[in-house]
Structure formats: C-alpha cells, structure tokens
Amino acid sequence: MSKIIFDSGISLDGYFAGNNRGPQNPMGGVSPFIHAWMFNEKAFWDHLGVAGNHQDGPDGKYIRETIERTGAYIMGKRMFEEGEAVWPNDLYKADVYVLTHEKRAPWVQEGSTTFYFINDGIESALEKAKTSAKGKDIRIQGGANTIQQFIHAGLIDEFFLHIAPVFLGTGIRLFEGINKDLYTLEIAEIIHSDLTTHVRYTCKKK
C-alpha cells in the first residue's frame, strides 16, 4: 500500500530554501549548504546519469532506497519552474504531478518520466499519483509550501529530514505555521554521517 512521504534537507535552524528563489536561483542558492551530503554521493549522480569520481558511501544506500520505494511524485509550480530548464531528461523515472493554475498538456519525456499539470488541488493530484505509483510510495517533492499543504491536510504518513550542520539565518522554513496538534510523531530511525543527520519520522493523525 502506498505511503505519502516527503524527504527534505534542512539547515540546523529549520530552513528548506533561501530567499529570492527562481529559475536563475534555484532554492535561493542554499543547495550547496543543505545538500552537500547528497552531492558527494555516487548514487545521486548515477540517478542523474552523470559519471564522475564520487564516493559510494553509506549515504548512497539511503539515496538508492528512497528512489526505489517512490512510484510517483507531486511538486509545486515553483519547484517545477526552477528545474524545468536544467533537469536532465527522464530525471524522475516516474510520473510527476505538478500543482499549478496553468493549463498545459502533459510533458512526456523519453524514458519513463511524464509531467502532468494539475489544476484542481492536492486531492486530485494525490488520487492520480496513487494510480501511477502502483503500490509504491508517493513522494511530495516540494517546495516547502506544497509539503505544508499535505501536512495541513493530515495526509503525510512518513517523512525524512536530512539536517545539515549549518545555520542559514533567513529563508523559507519547512515547518512555518504548522499545527502542532495535528500529528503524533515518532522517531523511527536516526542515521549519522559526516555532512548531515538523517532522521525518519512516522506520523499518525490525532
């Protein structure tokens, strides 16, 4: 049975992205700080189809497992716009549902990635993603506002944080304005590495 998950890097002071995000400044320029652990790993670059001399450490196993368990993705328009021009073909290797007010035909890529543009809300995107996932998990990819919509709707089953040992001081907080009484959270797993701390949480709606 599909779980609804998200998997996000954040700074130690809780920031998911920086200010002034846009196609010319993805994630507000903070990726090198909060995603350094991922950029070091061969598994990440293999997924992008990019060869190079990267380490194949314990974090790589985690990256591969997360990719393998995901059968469909949901993201917001802003994240899509930031990535559209630079993402390699068939990056996601699954169906991706983009929440947007723009009406647009599906973007079918070579391989197994198709982007669908959903104009009628998160519930519609979720039902379509469940069909695509075929029992695998549905990953809410981002940005922070899209993840928050699913949290506020009580729809998240599990989430993963990768907490980078950096303070950003400003930007977009992942959990800004979250209702503290919505879920009971349990720590399911903690994995330490040199550049981040991975924490997996399970969620039960109260």
N, C-alpha and C. Protein backbone atom coordinates (compact mmCIF):
# COMPACT_ATOMS: atom_id res chain seq x y z
N MET A 1 0.84 -1.20 0.00
CA MET A 1 0.00 0.00 0.00
C MET A 1 0.88 1.25 0.00
N SER A 2 0.55 2.21 -0.82
CA SER A 2 1.35 3.42 -0.93
C SER A 2 1.33 4.22 0.36
N LYS A 3 2.52 4.75 0.72
CA LYS A 3 2.61 5.76 1.77
C LYS A 3 2.84 7.11 1.11
N ILE A 4 2.43 8.15 1.80
CA ILE A 4 2.68 9.51 1.33
C ILE A 4 3.82 10.05 2.18
N ILE A 5 4.91 10.40 1.52
CA ILE A 5 6.13 10.77 2.23
C ILE A 5 6.69 12.08 1.68
N PHE A 6 7.56 12.70 2.44
CA PHE A 6 8.46 13.70 1.88
C PHE A 6 9.84 13.46 2.44
N ASP A 7 10.83 13.98 1.75
CA ASP A 7 12.24 13.69 2.03
C ASP A 7 13.00 14.98 1.76
N SER A 8 13.41 15.68 2.81
CA SER A 8 13.89 17.05 2.64
C SER A 8 15.16 17.33 3.43
N GLY A 9 16.06 18.08 2.81
CA GLY A 9 17.19 18.63 3.52
C GLY A 9 16.81 19.96 4.14
N ILE A 10 17.28 20.20 5.36
CA ILE A 10 17.06 21.48 6.01
C ILE A 10 18.32 21.89 6.75
N SER A 11 18.43 23.18 7.04
CA SER A 11 19.52 23.66 7.88
C SER A 11 19.20 23.38 9.34
N LEU A 12 20.20 23.55 10.19
CA LEU A 12 20.00 23.29 11.61
C LEU A 12 18.96 24.23 12.21
N ASP A 13 18.81 25.42 11.63
CA ASP A 13 17.78 26.35 12.12
C ASP A 13 16.49 26.26 11.32
N GLY A 14 16.31 25.16 10.57
CA GLY A 14 15.00 24.82 10.03
C GLY A 14 14.65 25.34 8.66
N TYR A 15 15.63 25.87 7.91
CA TYR A 15 15.33 26.44 6.60
C TYR A 15 15.45 25.40 5.49
N PHE A 16 14.45 25.38 4.64
CA PHE A 16 14.35 24.47 3.50
C PHE A 16 14.94 25.10 2.24
N ALA A 17 14.81 26.41 2.12
CA ALA A 17 15.28 27.13 0.93
C ALA A 17 15.62 28.56 1.34
N GLY A 18 16.37 29.24 0.45
CA GLY A 18 16.73 30.62 0.71
C GLY A 18 15.73 31.60 0.13
N ASN A 19 16.03 32.86 0.24
CA ASN A 19 15.18 33.90 -0.32
C ASN A 19 15.46 34.07 -1.81
N ASN A 20 14.57 34.79 -2.47
CA ASN A 20 14.75 35.16 -3.89
C ASN A 20 14.91 33.94 -4.79
N ARG A 21 14.05 32.95 -4.58
CA ARG A 21 14.06 31.75 -5.42
C ARG A 21 13.59 32.08 -6.83
N GLY A 22 14.06 31.31 -7.78
CA GLY A 22 13.62 31.46 -9.15
C GLY A 22 14.44 30.58 -10.07
N PRO A 23 14.08 30.51 -11.35
CA PRO A 23 14.82 29.65 -12.30
C PRO A 23 16.30 29.97 -12.38
N GLN A 24 16.67 31.24 -12.15
CA GLN A 24 18.08 31.61 -12.17
C GLN A 24 18.75 31.46 -10.80
N ASN A 25 17.97 31.13 -9.80
CA ASN A 25 18.50 30.99 -8.44
C ASN A 25 17.73 29.89 -7.70
N PRO A 26 17.85 28.63 -8.16
CA PRO A 26 17.08 27.54 -7.56
C PRO A 26 17.31 27.43 -6.06
N MET A 27 16.23 27.23 -5.35
CA MET A 27 16.24 27.08 -3.89
C MET A 27 16.89 28.25 -3.17
N GLY A 28 16.93 29.38 -3.85
CA GLY A 28 17.52 30.56 -3.22
C GLY A 28 19.01 30.44 -2.98
N GLY A 29 19.65 29.53 -3.71
CA GLY A 29 21.10 29.40 -3.64
C GLY A 29 21.65 28.63 -2.45
N VAL A 30 20.78 27.93 -1.70
CA VAL A 30 21.27 27.27 -0.48
C VAL A 30 21.59 25.79 -0.66
N SER A 31 21.35 25.23 -1.85
CA SER A 31 21.59 23.80 -2.04
C SER A 31 22.99 23.34 -1.64
N PRO A 32 24.06 24.08 -1.98
CA PRO A 32 25.39 23.62 -1.58
C PRO A 32 25.57 23.46 -0.08
N PHE A 33 24.76 24.17 0.70
CA PHE A 33 24.90 24.11 2.15
C PHE A 33 24.09 22.97 2.77
N ILE A 34 22.85 22.78 2.30
CA ILE A 34 21.99 21.77 2.94
C ILE A 34 22.00 20.43 2.21
N HIS A 35 22.51 20.39 0.97
CA HIS A 35 22.54 19.15 0.21
C HIS A 35 23.95 18.67 -0.08
N ALA A 36 24.94 19.17 0.64
CA ALA A 36 26.33 18.77 0.38
C ALA A 36 26.51 17.26 0.52
N TRP A 37 25.83 16.65 1.49
CA TRP A 37 25.95 15.20 1.69
C TRP A 37 25.52 14.44 0.44
N MET A 38 24.48 14.90 -0.21
CA MET A 38 23.93 14.23 -1.38
C MET A 38 24.83 14.42 -2.60
N PHE A 39 25.35 15.64 -2.76
CA PHE A 39 26.20 15.94 -3.91
C PHE A 39 27.51 15.17 -3.87
N ASN A 40 27.89 14.66 -2.70
CA ASN A 40 29.12 13.88 -2.57
C ASN A 40 28.96 12.43 -3.02
N GLU A 41 27.71 11.99 -3.19
CA GLU A 41 27.45 10.57 -3.35
C GLU A 41 27.28 10.14 -4.81
N LYS A 42 27.93 9.04 -5.15
CA LYS A 42 27.83 8.45 -6.49
C LYS A 42 26.39 8.12 -6.83
N ALA A 43 25.60 7.67 -5.86
CA ALA A 43 24.21 7.28 -6.11
C ALA A 43 23.40 8.44 -6.66
N PHE A 44 23.64 9.64 -6.17
CA PHE A 44 22.92 10.82 -6.65
C PHE A 44 23.26 11.09 -8.12
N TRP A 45 24.53 11.08 -8.44
CA TRP A 45 24.96 11.39 -9.81
C TRP A 45 24.60 10.26 -10.77
N ASP A 46 24.61 9.03 -10.29
CA ASP A 46 24.16 7.91 -11.12
C ASP A 46 22.71 8.11 -11.53
N HIS A 47 21.90 8.58 -10.60
CA HIS A 47 20.48 8.80 -10.89
C HIS A 47 20.30 9.87 -11.95
N LEU A 48 21.20 10.86 -11.94
CA LEU A 48 21.16 11.91 -12.96
C LEU A 48 21.80 11.48 -14.27
N GLY A 49 22.44 10.31 -14.27
CA GLY A 49 23.12 9.86 -15.48
C GLY A 49 24.44 10.56 -15.72
N VAL A 50 25.06 11.04 -14.64
CA VAL A 50 26.31 11.79 -14.75
C VAL A 50 27.44 10.96 -14.15
N ALA A 51 28.45 10.65 -14.95
CA ALA A 51 29.60 9.89 -14.46
C ALA A 51 30.56 10.83 -13.74
N GLY A 52 31.31 10.30 -12.80
CA GLY A 52 32.28 11.12 -12.09
C GLY A 52 32.93 10.34 -10.97
N ASN A 53 33.90 10.96 -10.36
CA ASN A 53 34.66 10.32 -9.29
C ASN A 53 34.09 10.74 -7.94
N HIS A 54 32.95 10.14 -7.59
CA HIS A 54 32.29 10.46 -6.33
C HIS A 54 32.32 9.25 -5.41
N GLN A 55 32.22 9.51 -4.12
CA GLN A 55 32.27 8.41 -3.17
C GLN A 55 30.99 7.59 -3.21
N ASP A 56 31.10 6.33 -2.87
CA ASP A 56 29.93 5.45 -2.77
C ASP A 56 29.82 5.01 -1.32
N GLY A 57 29.41 5.95 -0.49
CA GLY A 57 29.38 5.72 0.95
C GLY A 57 28.03 5.25 1.44
N PRO A 58 27.89 5.14 2.77
CA PRO A 58 26.62 4.69 3.36
C PRO A 58 25.42 5.55 2.97
N ASP A 59 25.64 6.85 2.77
CA ASP A 59 24.53 7.71 2.37
C ASP A 59 23.99 7.33 0.99
N GLY A 60 24.83 6.76 0.15
CA GLY A 60 24.39 6.34 -1.17
C GLY A 60 23.34 5.25 -1.11
N LYS A 61 23.49 4.34 -0.18
CA LYS A 61 22.49 3.29 0.00
C LYS A 61 21.14 3.91 0.35
N TYR A 62 21.16 4.93 1.18
CA TYR A 62 19.93 5.60 1.57
C TYR A 62 19.28 6.27 0.36
N ILE A 63 20.07 6.93 -0.47
CA ILE A 63 19.54 7.59 -1.67
C ILE A 63 18.88 6.57 -2.58
N ARG A 64 19.56 5.46 -2.83
CA ARG A 64 19.02 4.42 -3.72
C ARG A 64 17.71 3.85 -3.17
N GLU A 65 17.66 3.59 -1.88
CA GLU A 65 16.45 3.02 -1.28
C GLU A 65 15.27 3.98 -1.41
N THR A 66 15.51 5.27 -1.21
CA THR A 66 14.43 6.25 -1.30
C THR A 66 13.91 6.36 -2.73
N ILE A 67 14.82 6.35 -3.70
CA ILE A 67 14.40 6.38 -5.10
C ILE A 67 13.60 5.14 -5.46
N GLU A 68 14.07 3.99 -5.00
CA GLU A 68 13.43 2.73 -5.36
C GLU A 68 12.01 2.62 -4.79
N ARG A 69 11.78 3.15 -3.62
CA ARG A 69 10.47 3.00 -2.99
C ARG A 69 9.43 3.98 -3.55
N THR A 70 9.87 4.97 -4.32
CA THR A 70 8.97 6.01 -4.81
C THR A 70 8.40 5.65 -6.17
N GLY A 71 7.06 5.67 -6.28
CA GLY A 71 6.41 5.33 -7.53
C GLY A 71 5.81 6.50 -8.26
N ALA A 72 5.68 7.65 -7.61
CA ALA A 72 5.14 8.86 -8.23
C ALA A 72 5.52 10.05 -7.36
N TYR A 73 5.55 11.23 -8.00
CA TYR A 73 5.95 12.46 -7.31
C TYR A 73 4.87 13.52 -7.47
N ILE A 74 4.79 14.40 -6.46
CA ILE A 74 3.95 15.60 -6.55
C ILE A 74 4.82 16.79 -6.19
N MET A 75 4.73 17.84 -6.98
CA MET A 75 5.50 19.05 -6.69
C MET A 75 4.70 20.29 -7.03
N GLY A 76 5.17 21.42 -6.53
CA GLY A 76 4.53 22.69 -6.83
C GLY A 76 5.09 23.32 -8.09
N LYS A 77 4.37 24.33 -8.57
CA LYS A 77 4.76 25.00 -9.81
C LYS A 77 6.13 25.66 -9.69
N ARG A 78 6.42 26.26 -8.53
CA ARG A 78 7.69 26.96 -8.38
C ARG A 78 8.86 26.00 -8.51
N MET A 79 8.78 24.85 -7.88
CA MET A 79 9.87 23.88 -7.99
C MET A 79 10.03 23.42 -9.43
N PHE A 80 8.89 23.18 -10.10
CA PHE A 80 8.96 22.75 -11.49
C PHE A 80 9.63 23.82 -12.35
N GLU A 81 9.25 25.06 -12.15
CA GLU A 81 9.81 26.14 -12.97
C GLU A 81 11.31 26.30 -12.73
N GLU A 82 11.75 26.08 -11.49
CA GLU A 82 13.18 26.18 -11.20
C GLU A 82 13.98 25.07 -11.87
N GLY A 83 13.35 23.91 -12.04
CA GLY A 83 14.08 22.77 -12.57
C GLY A 83 13.90 22.50 -14.05
N GLU A 84 12.82 23.00 -14.64
CA GLU A 84 12.45 22.64 -16.00
C GLU A 84 13.58 22.83 -16.99
N ALA A 85 14.30 23.93 -16.89
CA ALA A 85 15.32 24.25 -17.89
C ALA A 85 16.62 23.48 -17.69
N VAL A 86 16.84 22.93 -16.49
CA VAL A 86 18.15 22.34 -16.20
C VAL A 86 18.12 20.85 -15.88
N TRP A 87 16.95 20.31 -15.53
CA TRP A 87 16.89 18.90 -15.21
C TRP A 87 17.21 18.05 -16.43
N PRO A 88 17.97 16.97 -16.26
CA PRO A 88 18.21 16.08 -17.39
C PRO A 88 16.94 15.33 -17.77
N ASN A 89 16.90 14.86 -19.00
CA ASN A 89 15.76 14.08 -19.46
C ASN A 89 15.57 12.85 -18.57
N ASP A 90 14.32 12.55 -18.26
CA ASP A 90 13.95 11.36 -17.50
C ASP A 90 14.59 11.32 -16.12
N LEU A 91 14.67 12.47 -15.47
CA LEU A 91 15.25 12.53 -14.13
C LEU A 91 14.47 11.70 -13.13
N TYR A 92 13.15 11.80 -13.16
CA TYR A 92 12.35 11.18 -12.10
C TYR A 92 12.01 9.72 -12.37
N LYS A 93 12.01 9.34 -13.62
CA LYS A 93 11.74 7.93 -13.98
C LYS A 93 10.41 7.44 -13.38
N ALA A 94 9.44 8.34 -13.35
CA ALA A 94 8.11 8.05 -12.81
C ALA A 94 7.22 9.21 -13.21
N ASP A 95 5.92 9.07 -12.97
CA ASP A 95 5.00 10.17 -13.23
C ASP A 95 5.16 11.25 -12.17
N VAL A 96 5.11 12.50 -12.61
CA VAL A 96 5.24 13.65 -11.73
C VAL A 96 4.01 14.54 -11.92
N TYR A 97 3.35 14.89 -10.82
CA TYR A 97 2.14 15.71 -10.86
C TYR A 97 2.48 17.09 -10.31
N VAL A 98 2.30 18.10 -11.15
CA VAL A 98 2.68 19.47 -10.83
C VAL A 98 1.42 20.26 -10.49
N LEU A 99 1.37 20.82 -9.29
CA LEU A 99 0.23 21.63 -8.86
C LEU A 99 0.38 23.03 -9.43
N THR A 100 -0.57 23.46 -10.24
CA THR A 100 -0.45 24.73 -10.94
C THR A 100 -1.82 25.22 -11.37
N HIS A 101 -1.94 26.52 -11.62
CA HIS A 101 -3.15 27.07 -12.23
C HIS A 101 -3.03 27.09 -13.75
N GLU A 102 -1.84 26.81 -14.25
CA GLU A 102 -1.61 26.81 -15.70
C GLU A 102 -2.18 25.55 -16.34
N LYS A 103 -2.92 25.72 -17.41
CA LYS A 103 -3.42 24.57 -18.16
C LYS A 103 -2.40 24.22 -19.23
N ARG A 104 -1.95 22.98 -19.20
CA ARG A 104 -0.85 22.57 -20.08
C ARG A 104 -0.95 21.08 -20.34
N ALA A 105 -0.68 20.69 -21.57
CA ALA A 105 -0.69 19.26 -21.92
C ALA A 105 0.45 18.55 -21.19
N PRO A 106 0.31 17.26 -20.92
CA PRO A 106 1.39 16.52 -20.28
C PRO A 106 2.70 16.63 -21.06
N TRP A 107 3.78 16.69 -20.34
CA TRP A 107 5.12 16.72 -20.93
C TRP A 107 5.69 15.31 -20.83
N VAL A 108 5.65 14.59 -21.94
CA VAL A 108 6.12 13.21 -21.97
C VAL A 108 7.58 13.21 -22.41
N GLN A 109 8.45 12.74 -21.54
CA GLN A 109 9.87 12.71 -21.84
C GLN A 109 10.27 11.34 -22.38
N GLU A 110 11.43 11.28 -23.00
CA GLU A 110 12.00 9.99 -23.38
C GLU A 110 12.32 9.24 -22.10
N GLY A 111 11.95 7.96 -22.08
CA GLY A 111 12.13 7.17 -20.87
C GLY A 111 10.80 6.96 -20.18
N SER A 112 10.76 7.14 -18.86
CA SER A 112 9.54 6.84 -18.12
C SER A 112 9.04 8.01 -17.28
N THR A 113 9.50 9.22 -17.57
CA THR A 113 9.04 10.41 -16.84
C THR A 113 8.00 11.15 -17.67
N THR A 114 6.82 11.38 -17.07
CA THR A 114 5.81 12.27 -17.66
C THR A 114 5.36 13.24 -16.59
N PHE A 115 5.36 14.53 -16.94
CA PHE A 115 4.86 15.57 -16.06
C PHE A 115 3.40 15.87 -16.42
N TYR A 116 2.53 15.80 -15.41
CA TYR A 116 1.12 16.14 -15.57
C TYR A 116 0.84 17.41 -14.77
N PHE A 117 0.04 18.31 -15.32
CA PHE A 117 -0.20 19.60 -14.71
C PHE A 117 -1.63 19.63 -14.16
N ILE A 118 -1.72 19.72 -12.83
CA ILE A 118 -2.98 19.52 -12.12
C ILE A 118 -3.51 20.86 -11.66
N ASN A 119 -4.74 21.17 -12.05
CA ASN A 119 -5.34 22.48 -11.78
C ASN A 119 -6.42 22.44 -10.69
N ASP A 120 -6.71 21.26 -10.15
CA ASP A 120 -7.85 21.16 -9.23
C ASP A 120 -7.46 20.63 -7.85
N GLY A 121 -6.26 20.96 -7.39
CA GLY A 121 -5.93 20.75 -5.98
C GLY A 121 -5.16 19.49 -5.64
N ILE A 122 -4.76 19.42 -4.36
CA ILE A 122 -3.88 18.34 -3.92
C ILE A 122 -4.58 16.98 -3.90
N GLU A 123 -5.87 16.97 -3.61
CA GLU A 123 -6.57 15.68 -3.56
C GLU A 123 -6.61 15.03 -4.94
N SER A 124 -6.86 15.84 -5.97
CA SER A 124 -6.86 15.32 -7.33
C SER A 124 -5.49 14.79 -7.72
N ALA A 125 -4.44 15.56 -7.40
CA ALA A 125 -3.09 15.11 -7.70
C ALA A 125 -2.77 13.81 -6.98
N LEU A 126 -3.21 13.70 -5.74
CA LEU A 126 -2.92 12.52 -4.95
C LEU A 126 -3.61 11.28 -5.51
N GLU A 127 -4.86 11.41 -5.91
CA GLU A 127 -5.56 10.25 -6.47
C GLU A 127 -4.89 9.77 -7.75
N LYS A 128 -4.47 10.69 -8.59
CA LYS A 128 -3.78 10.31 -9.83
C LYS A 128 -2.42 9.68 -9.52
N ALA A 129 -1.72 10.25 -8.54
CA ALA A 129 -0.41 9.71 -8.17
C ALA A 129 -0.52 8.30 -7.61
N LYS A 130 -1.57 8.03 -6.85
CA LYS A 130 -1.76 6.69 -6.30
C LYS A 130 -1.90 5.66 -7.41
N THR A 131 -2.62 6.02 -8.47
CA THR A 131 -2.77 5.11 -9.61
C THR A 131 -1.42 4.87 -10.27
N SER A 132 -0.65 5.93 -10.46
CA SER A 132 0.65 5.80 -11.11
C SER A 132 1.63 5.00 -10.28
N ALA A 133 1.56 5.15 -8.96
CA ALA A 133 2.57 4.56 -8.08
C ALA A 133 2.50 3.04 -8.03
N LYS A 134 1.32 2.47 -8.31
CA LYS A 134 1.17 1.00 -8.34
C LYS A 134 1.68 0.35 -7.05
N GLY A 135 1.30 0.93 -5.92
CA GLY A 135 1.65 0.35 -4.63
C GLY A 135 2.92 0.90 -4.03
N LYS A 136 3.76 1.55 -4.82
CA LYS A 136 4.93 2.21 -4.26
C LYS A 136 4.50 3.51 -3.58
N ASP A 137 5.47 4.18 -2.97
CA ASP A 137 5.14 5.39 -2.22
C ASP A 137 5.02 6.61 -3.12
N ILE A 138 4.30 7.60 -2.61
CA ILE A 138 4.13 8.88 -3.31
C ILE A 138 4.95 9.91 -2.55
N ARG A 139 5.88 10.53 -3.25
CA ARG A 139 6.77 11.50 -2.60
C ARG A 139 6.35 12.91 -2.94
N ILE A 140 6.11 13.70 -1.89
CA ILE A 140 5.80 15.11 -2.06
C ILE A 140 7.15 15.82 -2.16
N GLN A 141 7.49 16.23 -3.36
CA GLN A 141 8.85 16.64 -3.65
C GLN A 141 9.17 18.06 -3.16
N GLY A 142 8.22 18.94 -3.15
CA GLY A 142 8.50 20.32 -2.74
C GLY A 142 7.78 21.28 -3.67
N GLY A 143 7.95 22.56 -3.44
CA GLY A 143 8.73 23.16 -2.37
C GLY A 143 8.02 23.10 -1.04
N ALA A 144 8.51 23.96 -0.13
CA ALA A 144 8.02 23.93 1.24
C ALA A 144 6.50 24.14 1.32
N ASN A 145 5.97 25.05 0.52
CA ASN A 145 4.53 25.33 0.56
C ASN A 145 3.71 24.11 0.17
N THR A 146 4.18 23.38 -0.84
CA THR A 146 3.47 22.17 -1.27
C THR A 146 3.50 21.11 -0.17
N ILE A 147 4.65 20.91 0.44
CA ILE A 147 4.76 19.97 1.56
C ILE A 147 3.83 20.39 2.69
N GLN A 148 3.79 21.67 3.00
CA GLN A 148 2.92 22.16 4.07
C GLN A 148 1.45 21.90 3.78
N GLN A 149 1.04 22.02 2.52
CA GLN A 149 -0.35 21.75 2.18
C GLN A 149 -0.73 20.32 2.53
N PHE A 150 0.16 19.38 2.24
CA PHE A 150 -0.13 17.98 2.54
C PHE A 150 -0.07 17.70 4.03
N ILE A 151 0.85 18.37 4.74
CA ILE A 151 0.89 18.23 6.20
C ILE A 151 -0.41 18.75 6.81
N HIS A 152 -0.82 19.95 6.41
CA HIS A 152 -2.03 20.55 6.99
C HIS A 152 -3.28 19.74 6.69
N ALA A 153 -3.27 19.02 5.57
CA ALA A 153 -4.42 18.18 5.21
C ALA A 153 -4.41 16.84 5.95
N GLY A 154 -3.37 16.60 6.75
CA GLY A 154 -3.30 15.35 7.52
C GLY A 154 -2.99 14.13 6.68
N LEU A 155 -2.26 14.33 5.58
CA LEU A 155 -2.07 13.26 4.60
C LEU A 155 -0.70 12.57 4.67
N ILE A 156 0.23 13.10 5.44
CA ILE A 156 1.59 12.56 5.46
C ILE A 156 1.66 11.35 6.39
N ASP A 157 2.26 10.26 5.88
CA ASP A 157 2.45 9.04 6.68
C ASP A 157 3.85 8.96 7.29
N GLU A 158 4.82 9.51 6.59
CA GLU A 158 6.21 9.33 7.00
C GLU A 158 7.03 10.44 6.36
N PHE A 159 8.06 10.90 7.06
CA PHE A 159 8.94 11.86 6.40
C PHE A 159 10.38 11.70 6.89
N PHE A 160 11.29 12.19 6.05
CA PHE A 160 12.71 12.08 6.28
C PHE A 160 13.31 13.48 6.27
N LEU A 161 14.09 13.79 7.27
CA LEU A 161 14.83 15.04 7.29
C LEU A 161 16.33 14.74 7.24
N HIS A 162 17.03 15.56 6.50
CA HIS A 162 18.49 15.48 6.44
C HIS A 162 18.98 16.83 6.98
N ILE A 163 19.43 16.83 8.22
CA ILE A 163 19.70 18.07 8.93
C ILE A 163 21.18 18.42 8.79
N ALA A 164 21.43 19.46 8.02
CA ALA A 164 22.81 19.88 7.77
C ALA A 164 23.32 20.73 8.94
N PRO A 165 24.59 20.57 9.31
CA PRO A 165 25.13 21.33 10.45
C PRO A 165 25.52 22.75 10.06
N VAL A 166 24.54 23.51 9.59
CA VAL A 166 24.77 24.90 9.20
C VAL A 166 23.59 25.75 9.67
N PHE A 167 23.86 27.00 9.99
CA PHE A 167 22.83 27.99 10.26
C PHE A 167 22.71 28.88 9.02
N LEU A 168 21.51 29.05 8.50
CA LEU A 168 21.29 29.95 7.36
C LEU A 168 20.78 31.32 7.80
N GLY A 169 20.02 31.37 8.89
CA GLY A 169 19.61 32.64 9.44
C GLY A 169 18.40 33.28 8.78
N THR A 170 18.12 32.92 7.53
CA THR A 170 17.00 33.51 6.82
C THR A 170 16.60 32.57 5.68
N GLY A 171 15.38 32.75 5.18
CA GLY A 171 14.91 31.92 4.09
C GLY A 171 13.50 31.42 4.33
N ILE A 172 13.20 30.26 3.77
CA ILE A 172 11.88 29.64 3.86
C ILE A 172 11.96 28.45 4.81
N ARG A 173 11.23 28.51 5.89
CA ARG A 173 11.23 27.42 6.87
C ARG A 173 10.27 26.31 6.41
N LEU A 174 10.71 25.08 6.56
CA LEU A 174 9.87 23.96 6.13
C LEU A 174 8.61 23.85 6.98
N PHE A 175 8.71 24.10 8.27
CA PHE A 175 7.58 23.87 9.17
C PHE A 175 6.95 25.16 9.68
N GLU A 176 7.08 26.23 8.93
CA GLU A 176 6.49 27.51 9.34
C GLU A 176 4.97 27.39 9.46
N GLY A 177 4.44 27.76 10.62
CA GLY A 177 2.99 27.79 10.81
C GLY A 177 2.32 26.44 10.93
N ILE A 178 3.09 25.38 11.19
CA ILE A 178 2.49 24.04 11.28
C ILE A 178 1.65 23.91 12.55
N ASN A 179 0.51 23.27 12.42
CA ASN A 179 -0.37 22.98 13.55
C ASN A 179 0.27 21.90 14.42
N LYS A 180 0.68 22.26 15.62
CA LYS A 180 1.39 21.33 16.49
C LYS A 180 0.51 20.19 16.99
N ASP A 181 -0.79 20.33 16.88
CA ASP A 181 -1.72 19.32 17.41
C ASP A 181 -2.24 18.36 16.34
N LEU A 182 -1.66 18.40 15.15
CA LEU A 182 -2.21 17.63 14.04
C LEU A 182 -1.80 16.16 14.07
N TYR A 183 -0.53 15.90 14.43
CA TYR A 183 0.02 14.55 14.36
C TYR A 183 0.66 14.15 15.68
N THR A 184 0.71 12.84 15.88
CA THR A 184 1.63 12.24 16.84
C THR A 184 2.83 11.75 16.03
N LEU A 185 4.02 12.21 16.38
CA LEU A 185 5.23 11.87 15.64
C LEU A 185 6.09 10.89 16.44
N GLU A 186 6.68 9.94 15.74
CA GLU A 186 7.61 9.01 16.37
C GLU A 186 8.89 8.96 15.54
N ILE A 187 10.03 8.95 16.23
CA ILE A 187 11.31 8.79 15.55
C ILE A 187 11.48 7.31 15.23
N ALA A 188 11.57 7.00 13.95
CA ALA A 188 11.70 5.60 13.52
C ALA A 188 13.16 5.21 13.28
N GLU A 189 14.00 6.19 12.94
CA GLU A 189 15.38 5.85 12.60
C GLU A 189 16.23 7.12 12.62
N ILE A 190 17.46 6.99 13.11
CA ILE A 190 18.44 8.07 13.04
C ILE A 190 19.72 7.50 12.46
N ILE A 191 20.25 8.17 11.43
CA ILE A 191 21.48 7.72 10.78
C ILE A 191 22.43 8.91 10.74
N HIS A 192 23.60 8.75 11.31
CA HIS A 192 24.59 9.82 11.33
C HIS A 192 25.55 9.66 10.16
N SER A 193 25.98 10.78 9.61
CA SER A 193 27.04 10.77 8.62
C SER A 193 27.86 12.04 8.79
N ASP A 194 28.87 12.22 7.96
CA ASP A 194 29.80 13.32 8.16
C ASP A 194 29.17 14.68 7.89
N LEU A 195 28.22 14.76 6.95
CA LEU A 195 27.72 16.05 6.49
C LEU A 195 26.26 16.32 6.85
N THR A 196 25.59 15.34 7.45
CA THR A 196 24.18 15.53 7.80
C THR A 196 23.79 14.51 8.85
N THR A 197 22.61 14.69 9.41
CA THR A 197 21.99 13.68 10.26
C THR A 197 20.65 13.34 9.64
N HIS A 198 20.46 12.06 9.29
CA HIS A 198 19.20 11.61 8.70
C HIS A 198 18.27 11.18 9.83
N VAL A 199 17.04 11.69 9.82
CA VAL A 199 16.05 11.28 10.79
C VAL A 199 14.76 10.92 10.05
N ARG A 200 14.25 9.74 10.34
CA ARG A 200 13.00 9.29 9.73
C ARG A 200 11.92 9.30 10.80
N TYR A 201 10.78 9.92 10.49
CA TYR A 201 9.67 10.03 11.40
C TYR A 201 8.44 9.33 10.82
N THR A 202 7.67 8.71 11.67
CA THR A 202 6.36 8.22 11.28
C THR A 202 5.31 9.16 11.88
N CYS A 203 4.20 9.32 11.14
CA CYS A 203 3.15 10.28 11.52
C CYS A 203 1.84 9.55 11.71
N LYS A 204 1.15 9.86 12.78
CA LYS A 204 -0.22 9.39 12.97
C LYS A 204 -1.08 10.61 13.27
N LYS A 205 -2.13 10.77 12.47
CA LYS A 205 -3.01 11.91 12.68
C LYS A 205 -3.79 11.72 13.97
N LYS A 206 -3.84 12.77 14.79
CA LYS A 206 -4.56 12.70 16.06
C LYS A 206 -6.06 12.69 15.85
